[in-house]
């Protein structure tokens, strides 16, 4: 008799517990009517009508910018430099050199220079030299640069030849 009473009491307790859980879940899911609801009545994004401001630093300008080729960048810099240095001879502004490499160790620069001399030995006016450059923070670099100054057009042609041979090429303005 005791076992049956314990079984019935456990069943009754489990049903009571189930009813308790149902009531709690109902209360948690269905909110009360007087409970305040937080709602945003203004839109977070404002729509601007008309053309955007034409400033180079706007998001629209940044997104619409297309990648420029190295030639366009160089020509723009040359034009800007020419505007500021009107007193100087225009011919002296248009002298360029080709930089192929730059190392902190002179030995590496010499090795690359020798390789380039061998590969471009058939070309008459292509010869490379090593220049020591001291930067503002006192770092020393040894750059492999062609030995004669060129016009921008000739520098571009030479750079293309160097790029075909799988070397890096940088057109720099001669100072």
N, C-alpha and C. Protein backbone atom coordinates (compact mmCIF):
# COMPACT_ATOMS: atom_id res chain seq x y z
N UNK A 1 0.80 -1.18 0.00
CA UNK A 1 0.00 0.00 0.00
C UNK A 1 0.85 1.26 0.00
N UNK A 2 1.96 1.20 0.72
CA UNK A 2 2.84 2.36 0.78
C UNK A 2 3.44 2.65 -0.59
N UNK A 3 3.78 1.60 -1.33
CA UNK A 3 4.39 1.81 -2.65
C UNK A 3 3.42 2.49 -3.61
N UNK A 4 2.16 2.14 -3.53
CA UNK A 4 1.17 2.73 -4.42
C UNK A 4 0.98 4.20 -4.07
N UNK A 5 0.95 4.55 -2.76
CA UNK A 5 0.80 5.93 -2.34
C UNK A 5 2.00 6.77 -2.80
N UNK A 6 3.19 6.20 -2.71
CA UNK A 6 4.40 6.92 -3.16
C UNK A 6 4.35 7.14 -4.67
N UNK A 7 3.90 6.12 -5.43
CA UNK A 7 3.81 6.24 -6.88
C UNK A 7 2.81 7.32 -7.26
N UNK A 8 1.62 7.30 -6.63
CA UNK A 8 0.60 8.29 -6.94
C UNK A 8 1.03 9.70 -6.54
N UNK A 9 1.70 9.80 -5.42
CA UNK A 9 2.17 11.12 -4.98
C UNK A 9 3.25 11.66 -5.93
N UNK A 10 4.15 10.79 -6.41
CA UNK A 10 5.18 11.22 -7.38
C UNK A 10 4.54 11.65 -8.70
N UNK A 11 3.53 10.92 -9.14
CA UNK A 11 2.83 11.28 -10.39
C UNK A 11 2.12 12.62 -10.21
N UNK A 12 1.47 12.82 -9.06
CA UNK A 12 0.77 14.07 -8.80
C UNK A 12 1.76 15.23 -8.74
N UNK A 13 2.89 15.03 -8.08
CA UNK A 13 3.92 16.08 -8.00
C UNK A 13 4.49 16.41 -9.39
N UNK A 14 4.69 15.43 -10.19
CA UNK A 14 5.23 15.69 -11.54
C UNK A 14 4.21 16.47 -12.38
N UNK A 15 2.88 16.15 -12.23
CA UNK A 15 1.87 16.91 -12.94
C UNK A 15 1.81 18.35 -12.43
N UNK A 16 1.93 18.52 -11.13
CA UNK A 16 1.94 19.88 -10.57
C UNK A 16 3.16 20.66 -11.06
N UNK A 17 4.30 20.01 -11.11
CA UNK A 17 5.52 20.66 -11.61
C UNK A 17 5.35 21.04 -13.08
N UNK A 18 4.74 20.17 -13.88
CA UNK A 18 4.50 20.45 -15.29
C UNK A 18 3.57 21.65 -15.45
N UNK A 19 2.50 21.71 -14.67
CA UNK A 19 1.57 22.84 -14.72
C UNK A 19 2.29 24.13 -14.31
N UNK A 20 3.13 24.05 -13.29
CA UNK A 20 3.92 25.21 -12.85
C UNK A 20 4.82 25.72 -13.98
N UNK A 21 5.50 24.81 -14.68
CA UNK A 21 6.37 25.20 -15.80
C UNK A 21 5.57 25.82 -16.94
N UNK A 22 4.38 25.31 -17.21
CA UNK A 22 3.54 25.87 -18.28
C UNK A 22 3.14 27.30 -17.93
N UNK A 23 2.77 27.52 -16.69
CA UNK A 23 2.37 28.86 -16.27
C UNK A 23 3.54 29.84 -16.36
N UNK A 24 4.71 29.42 -15.92
CA UNK A 24 5.90 30.28 -15.99
C UNK A 24 6.25 30.60 -17.44
N UNK A 25 6.22 29.62 -18.32
CA UNK A 25 6.55 29.88 -19.73
C UNK A 25 5.51 30.79 -20.37
N UNK A 26 4.26 30.65 -20.02
CA UNK A 26 3.21 31.53 -20.55
C UNK A 26 3.44 32.97 -20.12
N UNK A 27 3.78 33.15 -18.86
CA UNK A 27 4.02 34.50 -18.34
C UNK A 27 5.25 35.12 -19.00
N UNK A 28 6.26 34.32 -19.24
CA UNK A 28 7.48 34.88 -19.83
C UNK A 28 7.31 35.17 -21.32
N UNK A 29 6.45 34.45 -22.02
CA UNK A 29 6.27 34.67 -23.46
C UNK A 29 5.28 35.79 -23.72
N UNK A 30 4.16 35.80 -23.05
CA UNK A 30 3.12 36.80 -23.26
C UNK A 30 3.37 37.94 -22.27
N UNK A 31 3.71 39.14 -22.79
CA UNK A 31 3.99 40.26 -21.88
C UNK A 31 2.70 40.85 -21.30
N UNK A 32 2.87 41.58 -20.25
CA UNK A 32 1.73 42.26 -19.64
C UNK A 32 1.35 43.46 -20.51
N UNK A 33 0.10 43.90 -20.39
CA UNK A 33 -0.37 45.01 -21.21
C UNK A 33 0.22 46.35 -20.78
N UNK A 34 0.51 46.52 -19.53
CA UNK A 34 1.03 47.80 -19.06
C UNK A 34 2.56 47.86 -19.10
N UNK A 35 3.18 46.86 -19.68
CA UNK A 35 4.64 46.82 -19.79
C UNK A 35 5.07 47.80 -20.89
N UNK A 36 5.99 48.74 -20.58
CA UNK A 36 6.41 49.71 -21.62
C UNK A 36 7.27 49.03 -22.70
N UNK A 37 7.00 49.38 -23.95
CA UNK A 37 7.75 48.84 -25.08
C UNK A 37 8.61 49.97 -25.64
N UNK A 38 9.90 49.72 -25.73
CA UNK A 38 10.81 50.73 -26.27
C UNK A 38 10.83 50.62 -27.79
N UNK A 39 10.53 51.72 -28.44
CA UNK A 39 10.44 51.72 -29.89
C UNK A 39 11.09 52.98 -30.43
N UNK A 40 11.85 52.86 -31.53
CA UNK A 40 12.48 54.02 -32.15
C UNK A 40 11.51 54.59 -33.17
N UNK A 41 11.12 55.85 -32.96
CA UNK A 41 10.14 56.47 -33.84
C UNK A 41 10.79 57.25 -34.98
N UNK A 42 12.10 57.56 -34.85
CA UNK A 42 12.82 58.26 -35.91
C UNK A 42 13.70 57.27 -36.65
N UNK A 43 13.89 57.51 -37.94
CA UNK A 43 14.76 56.62 -38.71
C UNK A 43 16.22 56.92 -38.37
N UNK A 44 17.03 55.88 -38.37
CA UNK A 44 18.43 56.04 -38.03
C UNK A 44 19.27 56.52 -39.20
N UNK A 45 18.80 56.31 -40.42
CA UNK A 45 19.54 56.69 -41.62
C UNK A 45 18.77 57.80 -42.32
N UNK A 46 19.46 58.88 -42.62
CA UNK A 46 18.83 59.99 -43.33
C UNK A 46 19.21 59.92 -44.80
N UNK A 47 18.25 60.11 -45.65
CA UNK A 47 18.50 60.06 -47.08
C UNK A 47 18.74 61.48 -47.58
N UNK A 48 19.88 61.68 -48.23
CA UNK A 48 20.23 62.98 -48.80
C UNK A 48 19.84 62.95 -50.27
N UNK A 49 19.09 63.92 -50.69
CA UNK A 49 18.71 63.98 -52.10
C UNK A 49 19.62 64.97 -52.81
N UNK A 50 19.92 64.68 -54.05
CA UNK A 50 20.81 65.53 -54.82
C UNK A 50 22.19 64.91 -54.89
N UNK A 51 23.10 65.57 -55.55
CA UNK A 51 24.46 65.06 -55.74
C UNK A 51 25.25 65.19 -54.44
N UNK A 52 26.14 64.25 -54.18
CA UNK A 52 26.98 64.37 -52.99
C UNK A 52 28.00 65.50 -53.15
N UNK A 53 28.56 65.92 -52.05
CA UNK A 53 29.55 66.99 -52.05
C UNK A 53 30.77 66.51 -52.84
N UNK A 54 31.28 67.33 -53.73
CA UNK A 54 32.42 66.92 -54.55
C UNK A 54 33.71 67.26 -53.81
N UNK A 55 34.06 66.41 -52.91
CA UNK A 55 35.30 66.55 -52.15
C UNK A 55 36.06 65.24 -52.31
N UNK A 56 37.36 65.30 -52.45
CA UNK A 56 38.13 64.08 -52.69
C UNK A 56 38.11 63.12 -51.51
N UNK A 57 37.76 63.60 -50.34
CA UNK A 57 37.80 62.73 -49.18
C UNK A 57 36.44 62.13 -48.83
N UNK A 58 35.42 62.36 -49.66
CA UNK A 58 34.12 61.78 -49.35
C UNK A 58 34.13 60.30 -49.67
N UNK A 59 33.19 59.60 -49.08
CA UNK A 59 33.09 58.16 -49.28
C UNK A 59 32.81 57.86 -50.75
N UNK A 60 32.00 58.69 -51.39
CA UNK A 60 31.65 58.44 -52.78
C UNK A 60 32.88 58.52 -53.67
N UNK A 61 33.74 59.49 -53.43
CA UNK A 61 34.96 59.63 -54.23
C UNK A 61 35.88 58.44 -54.02
N UNK A 62 36.01 58.01 -52.78
CA UNK A 62 36.90 56.89 -52.48
C UNK A 62 36.39 55.63 -53.16
N UNK A 63 35.08 55.40 -53.12
CA UNK A 63 34.52 54.20 -53.72
C UNK A 63 34.59 54.24 -55.24
N UNK A 64 34.51 55.44 -55.82
CA UNK A 64 34.50 55.55 -57.27
C UNK A 64 35.89 55.63 -57.88
N UNK A 65 36.92 55.79 -57.06
CA UNK A 65 38.27 55.90 -57.60
C UNK A 65 38.66 54.58 -58.26
N UNK A 66 39.27 54.70 -59.39
CA UNK A 66 39.75 53.51 -60.10
C UNK A 66 41.26 53.44 -59.92
N UNK A 67 41.77 52.24 -59.97
CA UNK A 67 43.21 52.05 -59.81
C UNK A 67 43.92 52.70 -60.99
N UNK A 68 44.90 53.54 -60.68
CA UNK A 68 45.65 54.23 -61.72
C UNK A 68 46.89 53.42 -62.06
N UNK A 69 47.30 53.53 -63.30
CA UNK A 69 48.53 52.86 -63.69
C UNK A 69 49.71 53.69 -63.19
N UNK A 70 50.85 53.06 -63.12
CA UNK A 70 52.05 53.74 -62.63
C UNK A 70 52.42 54.91 -63.53
N UNK A 71 52.14 54.78 -64.83
CA UNK A 71 52.45 55.86 -65.77
C UNK A 71 51.63 57.10 -65.46
N UNK A 72 50.33 56.91 -65.16
CA UNK A 72 49.47 58.05 -64.86
C UNK A 72 49.92 58.75 -63.59
N UNK A 73 50.32 57.98 -62.60
CA UNK A 73 50.77 58.55 -61.33
C UNK A 73 52.05 59.36 -61.55
N UNK A 74 52.99 58.82 -62.32
CA UNK A 74 54.26 59.50 -62.58
C UNK A 74 54.02 60.79 -63.35
N UNK A 75 53.17 60.71 -64.39
CA UNK A 75 52.91 61.90 -65.19
C UNK A 75 52.24 62.98 -64.35
N UNK A 76 51.33 62.60 -63.47
CA UNK A 76 50.66 63.58 -62.61
C UNK A 76 51.67 64.23 -61.67
N UNK A 77 52.58 63.43 -61.10
CA UNK A 77 53.60 63.98 -60.20
C UNK A 77 54.54 64.92 -60.95
N UNK A 78 54.89 64.55 -62.18
CA UNK A 78 55.78 65.41 -62.98
C UNK A 78 55.09 66.74 -63.27
N UNK A 79 53.79 66.68 -63.61
CA UNK A 79 53.05 67.91 -63.87
C UNK A 79 52.98 68.78 -62.62
N UNK A 80 52.71 68.16 -61.47
CA UNK A 80 52.65 68.92 -60.22
C UNK A 80 54.00 69.53 -59.88
N UNK A 81 55.07 68.76 -60.09
CA UNK A 81 56.41 69.27 -59.80
C UNK A 81 56.73 70.44 -60.73
N UNK A 82 56.29 70.33 -62.00
CA UNK A 82 56.54 71.40 -62.97
C UNK A 82 55.82 72.68 -62.60
N UNK A 83 54.64 72.57 -62.01
CA UNK A 83 53.89 73.76 -61.62
C UNK A 83 54.60 74.52 -60.52
N UNK A 84 55.25 73.82 -59.59
CA UNK A 84 55.90 74.47 -58.47
C UNK A 84 57.30 74.97 -58.82
N UNK A 85 57.92 74.40 -59.82
CA UNK A 85 59.29 74.78 -60.18
C UNK A 85 59.32 75.45 -61.54
N UNK A 86 58.56 76.50 -61.73
CA UNK A 86 58.49 77.16 -63.03
C UNK A 86 59.80 77.82 -63.41
N UNK A 87 60.59 78.22 -62.41
CA UNK A 87 61.83 78.91 -62.72
C UNK A 87 62.88 77.97 -63.33
N UNK A 88 62.81 76.70 -62.98
CA UNK A 88 63.82 75.75 -63.46
C UNK A 88 63.57 75.40 -64.92
N UNK A 89 64.60 74.93 -65.54
CA UNK A 89 64.51 74.53 -66.93
C UNK A 89 63.63 73.29 -67.04
N UNK A 90 62.69 73.31 -67.98
CA UNK A 90 61.75 72.21 -68.13
C UNK A 90 62.48 70.91 -68.51
N UNK A 91 63.58 71.03 -69.24
CA UNK A 91 64.33 69.84 -69.65
C UNK A 91 64.94 69.14 -68.45
N UNK A 92 65.38 69.89 -67.45
CA UNK A 92 65.99 69.27 -66.28
C UNK A 92 64.95 68.56 -65.42
N UNK A 93 63.68 68.96 -65.51
CA UNK A 93 62.63 68.30 -64.75
C UNK A 93 62.29 66.93 -65.34
N UNK A 94 62.53 66.74 -66.58
CA UNK A 94 62.12 65.52 -67.26
C UNK A 94 63.25 64.50 -67.38
N UNK A 95 64.12 64.44 -66.39
CA UNK A 95 65.19 63.45 -66.41
C UNK A 95 64.89 62.39 -65.35
N UNK A 96 64.92 61.15 -65.80
CA UNK A 96 64.55 60.04 -64.92
C UNK A 96 65.61 58.95 -64.95
N UNK A 97 65.58 58.14 -63.93
CA UNK A 97 66.44 56.96 -63.86
C UNK A 97 65.56 55.77 -63.50
N UNK A 98 66.09 54.59 -63.74
CA UNK A 98 65.38 53.35 -63.42
C UNK A 98 66.04 52.73 -62.20
N UNK A 99 65.25 52.50 -61.17
CA UNK A 99 65.75 51.80 -59.97
C UNK A 99 65.21 50.38 -60.01
N UNK A 100 66.13 49.42 -59.90
CA UNK A 100 65.74 48.03 -60.00
C UNK A 100 65.69 47.37 -58.62
N UNK A 101 66.57 47.78 -57.71
CA UNK A 101 66.60 47.15 -56.39
C UNK A 101 67.18 48.12 -55.38
N UNK A 102 66.94 47.82 -54.11
CA UNK A 102 67.48 48.60 -53.01
C UNK A 102 67.68 47.67 -51.82
N UNK A 103 68.94 47.58 -51.34
CA UNK A 103 69.25 46.66 -50.25
C UNK A 103 70.03 47.39 -49.16
N UNK A 104 69.97 46.84 -47.96
CA UNK A 104 70.78 47.39 -46.87
C UNK A 104 72.21 46.89 -46.95
N UNK A 105 72.41 45.77 -47.63
CA UNK A 105 73.75 45.21 -47.77
C UNK A 105 74.29 45.51 -49.17
N UNK A 106 75.51 46.03 -49.21
CA UNK A 106 76.11 46.41 -50.48
C UNK A 106 76.38 45.17 -51.34
N UNK A 107 76.69 44.06 -50.69
CA UNK A 107 77.02 42.83 -51.40
C UNK A 107 75.85 42.37 -52.28
N UNK A 108 74.64 42.43 -51.74
CA UNK A 108 73.46 42.04 -52.52
C UNK A 108 73.25 42.95 -53.71
N UNK A 109 73.46 44.24 -53.51
CA UNK A 109 73.30 45.20 -54.60
C UNK A 109 74.30 44.92 -55.71
N UNK A 110 75.54 44.59 -55.35
CA UNK A 110 76.57 44.28 -56.35
C UNK A 110 76.19 43.04 -57.13
N UNK A 111 75.68 42.02 -56.44
CA UNK A 111 75.27 40.78 -57.12
C UNK A 111 74.16 41.04 -58.13
N UNK A 112 73.16 41.80 -57.72
CA UNK A 112 72.04 42.10 -58.63
C UNK A 112 72.54 42.94 -59.80
N UNK A 113 73.41 43.88 -59.55
CA UNK A 113 73.96 44.72 -60.61
C UNK A 113 74.71 43.88 -61.65
N UNK A 114 75.50 42.94 -61.18
CA UNK A 114 76.24 42.06 -62.10
C UNK A 114 75.29 41.20 -62.93
N UNK A 115 74.24 40.68 -62.30
CA UNK A 115 73.25 39.88 -63.02
C UNK A 115 72.59 40.70 -64.13
N UNK A 116 72.22 41.92 -63.77
CA UNK A 116 71.56 42.80 -64.75
C UNK A 116 72.48 43.15 -65.90
N UNK A 117 73.76 43.40 -65.59
CA UNK A 117 74.72 43.73 -66.66
C UNK A 117 74.85 42.57 -67.63
N UNK A 118 74.85 41.33 -67.12
CA UNK A 118 74.92 40.15 -67.99
C UNK A 118 73.67 40.03 -68.86
N UNK A 119 72.50 40.20 -68.26
CA UNK A 119 71.24 40.02 -68.99
C UNK A 119 71.01 41.12 -70.02
N UNK A 120 71.47 42.33 -69.73
CA UNK A 120 71.25 43.45 -70.64
C UNK A 120 72.53 43.86 -71.36
N UNK A 121 73.47 42.94 -71.52
CA UNK A 121 74.73 43.26 -72.20
C UNK A 121 74.52 43.57 -73.67
N UNK A 122 73.45 43.03 -74.27
CA UNK A 122 73.18 43.29 -75.68
C UNK A 122 72.66 44.72 -75.90
N UNK A 123 72.06 45.30 -74.89
CA UNK A 123 71.55 46.66 -75.00
C UNK A 123 72.72 47.64 -74.86
N UNK A 124 72.72 48.68 -75.69
CA UNK A 124 73.85 49.61 -75.71
C UNK A 124 73.87 50.57 -74.54
N UNK A 125 72.72 51.17 -74.23
CA UNK A 125 72.71 52.25 -73.24
C UNK A 125 72.23 51.82 -71.86
N UNK A 126 72.10 50.51 -71.64
CA UNK A 126 71.65 50.05 -70.32
C UNK A 126 72.85 49.58 -69.52
N UNK A 127 73.17 50.30 -68.48
CA UNK A 127 74.22 49.91 -67.56
C UNK A 127 73.77 50.35 -66.17
N UNK A 128 74.09 49.57 -65.16
CA UNK A 128 73.60 49.86 -63.82
C UNK A 128 74.74 50.16 -62.87
N UNK A 129 74.48 51.08 -61.96
CA UNK A 129 75.46 51.45 -60.94
C UNK A 129 74.81 51.33 -59.57
N UNK A 130 75.63 51.38 -58.55
CA UNK A 130 75.14 51.29 -57.17
C UNK A 130 75.34 52.63 -56.51
N UNK A 131 74.25 53.15 -55.91
CA UNK A 131 74.33 54.42 -55.20
C UNK A 131 74.00 54.20 -53.73
N UNK A 132 74.80 54.81 -52.90
CA UNK A 132 74.55 54.74 -51.46
C UNK A 132 73.63 55.90 -51.08
N UNK A 133 72.51 55.56 -50.43
CA UNK A 133 71.52 56.56 -50.03
C UNK A 133 71.37 56.51 -48.52
N UNK A 134 71.47 57.68 -47.88
CA UNK A 134 71.28 57.78 -46.43
C UNK A 134 69.92 58.44 -46.20
N UNK A 135 69.04 57.75 -45.52
CA UNK A 135 67.72 58.28 -45.24
C UNK A 135 67.74 59.20 -44.02
N UNK A 136 66.62 59.86 -43.76
CA UNK A 136 66.54 60.81 -42.64
C UNK A 136 66.77 60.14 -41.30
N UNK A 137 66.38 58.87 -41.17
CA UNK A 137 66.58 58.16 -39.90
C UNK A 137 67.94 57.46 -39.85
N UNK A 138 68.87 57.89 -40.71
CA UNK A 138 70.26 57.40 -40.78
C UNK A 138 70.37 55.94 -41.22
N UNK A 139 69.33 55.39 -41.84
CA UNK A 139 69.45 54.07 -42.46
C UNK A 139 70.17 54.23 -43.80
N UNK A 140 71.04 53.29 -44.10
CA UNK A 140 71.80 53.34 -45.35
C UNK A 140 71.29 52.24 -46.27
N UNK A 141 70.99 52.62 -47.53
CA UNK A 141 70.56 51.67 -48.53
C UNK A 141 71.46 51.79 -49.75
N UNK A 142 71.64 50.67 -50.42
CA UNK A 142 72.43 50.62 -51.65
C UNK A 142 71.47 50.30 -52.78
N UNK A 143 71.25 51.29 -53.65
CA UNK A 143 70.27 51.15 -54.71
C UNK A 143 70.94 50.85 -56.04
N UNK A 144 70.32 49.94 -56.80
CA UNK A 144 70.80 49.60 -58.14
C UNK A 144 69.99 50.45 -59.12
N UNK A 145 70.70 51.41 -59.76
CA UNK A 145 70.07 52.41 -60.63
C UNK A 145 70.82 52.45 -61.95
N UNK A 146 70.09 52.74 -63.06
CA UNK A 146 70.81 52.87 -64.34
C UNK A 146 71.71 54.10 -64.30
N UNK A 147 72.77 54.10 -65.10
CA UNK A 147 73.81 55.11 -64.97
C UNK A 147 73.55 56.40 -65.74
N UNK A 148 72.60 56.41 -66.67
CA UNK A 148 72.33 57.64 -67.43
C UNK A 148 70.89 58.10 -67.17
N UNK A 149 70.70 59.42 -67.32
CA UNK A 149 69.34 59.94 -67.16
C UNK A 149 68.59 59.75 -68.47
N UNK A 150 67.29 59.57 -68.34
CA UNK A 150 66.44 59.30 -69.50
C UNK A 150 65.23 60.22 -69.48
N UNK A 151 64.61 60.37 -70.63
CA UNK A 151 63.32 61.06 -70.67
C UNK A 151 62.28 60.10 -70.12
N UNK A 152 61.12 60.60 -69.82
CA UNK A 152 60.07 59.75 -69.26
C UNK A 152 59.68 58.66 -70.25
N UNK A 153 59.63 59.00 -71.51
CA UNK A 153 59.26 58.02 -72.54
C UNK A 153 60.29 56.89 -72.61
N UNK A 154 61.58 57.26 -72.62
CA UNK A 154 62.64 56.25 -72.66
C UNK A 154 62.67 55.42 -71.38
N UNK A 155 62.39 56.09 -70.25
CA UNK A 155 62.37 55.38 -68.96
C UNK A 155 61.26 54.33 -68.94
N UNK A 156 60.12 54.68 -69.51
CA UNK A 156 59.01 53.72 -69.58
C UNK A 156 59.39 52.51 -70.44
N UNK A 157 60.02 52.79 -71.59
CA UNK A 157 60.44 51.69 -72.48
C UNK A 157 61.43 50.77 -71.78
N UNK A 158 62.41 51.36 -71.13
CA UNK A 158 63.41 50.57 -70.42
C UNK A 158 62.78 49.78 -69.28
N UNK A 159 61.86 50.39 -68.59
CA UNK A 159 61.19 49.71 -67.48
C UNK A 159 60.41 48.50 -68.00
N UNK A 160 59.77 48.65 -69.14
CA UNK A 160 59.03 47.51 -69.72
C UNK A 160 59.97 46.36 -70.06
N UNK A 161 61.15 46.69 -70.59
CA UNK A 161 62.13 45.64 -70.90
C UNK A 161 62.59 44.92 -69.64
N UNK A 162 62.76 45.68 -68.58
CA UNK A 162 63.21 45.09 -67.30
C UNK A 162 62.10 44.22 -66.71
N UNK A 163 60.87 44.67 -66.82
CA UNK A 163 59.75 43.90 -66.28
C UNK A 163 59.55 42.59 -67.04
N UNK A 164 59.85 42.60 -68.34
CA UNK A 164 59.75 41.37 -69.13
C UNK A 164 60.73 40.32 -68.60
N UNK A 165 61.87 40.76 -68.10
CA UNK A 165 62.89 39.85 -67.56
C UNK A 165 62.59 39.44 -66.11
N UNK A 166 61.39 39.81 -65.63
CA UNK A 166 60.92 39.42 -64.28
C UNK A 166 61.66 40.12 -63.14
N UNK A 167 62.15 41.32 -63.38
CA UNK A 167 62.74 42.14 -62.31
C UNK A 167 61.74 43.22 -61.94
N UNK A 168 61.93 43.80 -60.77
CA UNK A 168 61.12 44.94 -60.37
C UNK A 168 61.69 46.19 -61.02
N UNK A 169 60.82 47.17 -61.24
CA UNK A 169 61.27 48.39 -61.90
C UNK A 169 60.54 49.57 -61.30
N UNK A 170 61.30 50.62 -61.01
CA UNK A 170 60.73 51.84 -60.43
C UNK A 170 61.35 53.02 -61.16
N UNK A 171 60.50 53.88 -61.70
CA UNK A 171 60.99 55.09 -62.39
C UNK A 171 61.11 56.18 -61.34
N UNK A 172 62.32 56.73 -61.20
CA UNK A 172 62.55 57.78 -60.21
C UNK A 172 63.05 59.03 -60.93
N UNK A 173 62.67 60.19 -60.40
CA UNK A 173 63.14 61.44 -60.97
C UNK A 173 64.55 61.71 -60.50
N UNK A 174 65.41 62.07 -61.42
CA UNK A 174 66.81 62.33 -61.10
C UNK A 174 66.91 63.67 -60.38
N UNK A 175 67.71 63.71 -59.33
CA UNK A 175 67.85 64.96 -58.57
C UNK A 175 69.19 65.62 -58.84
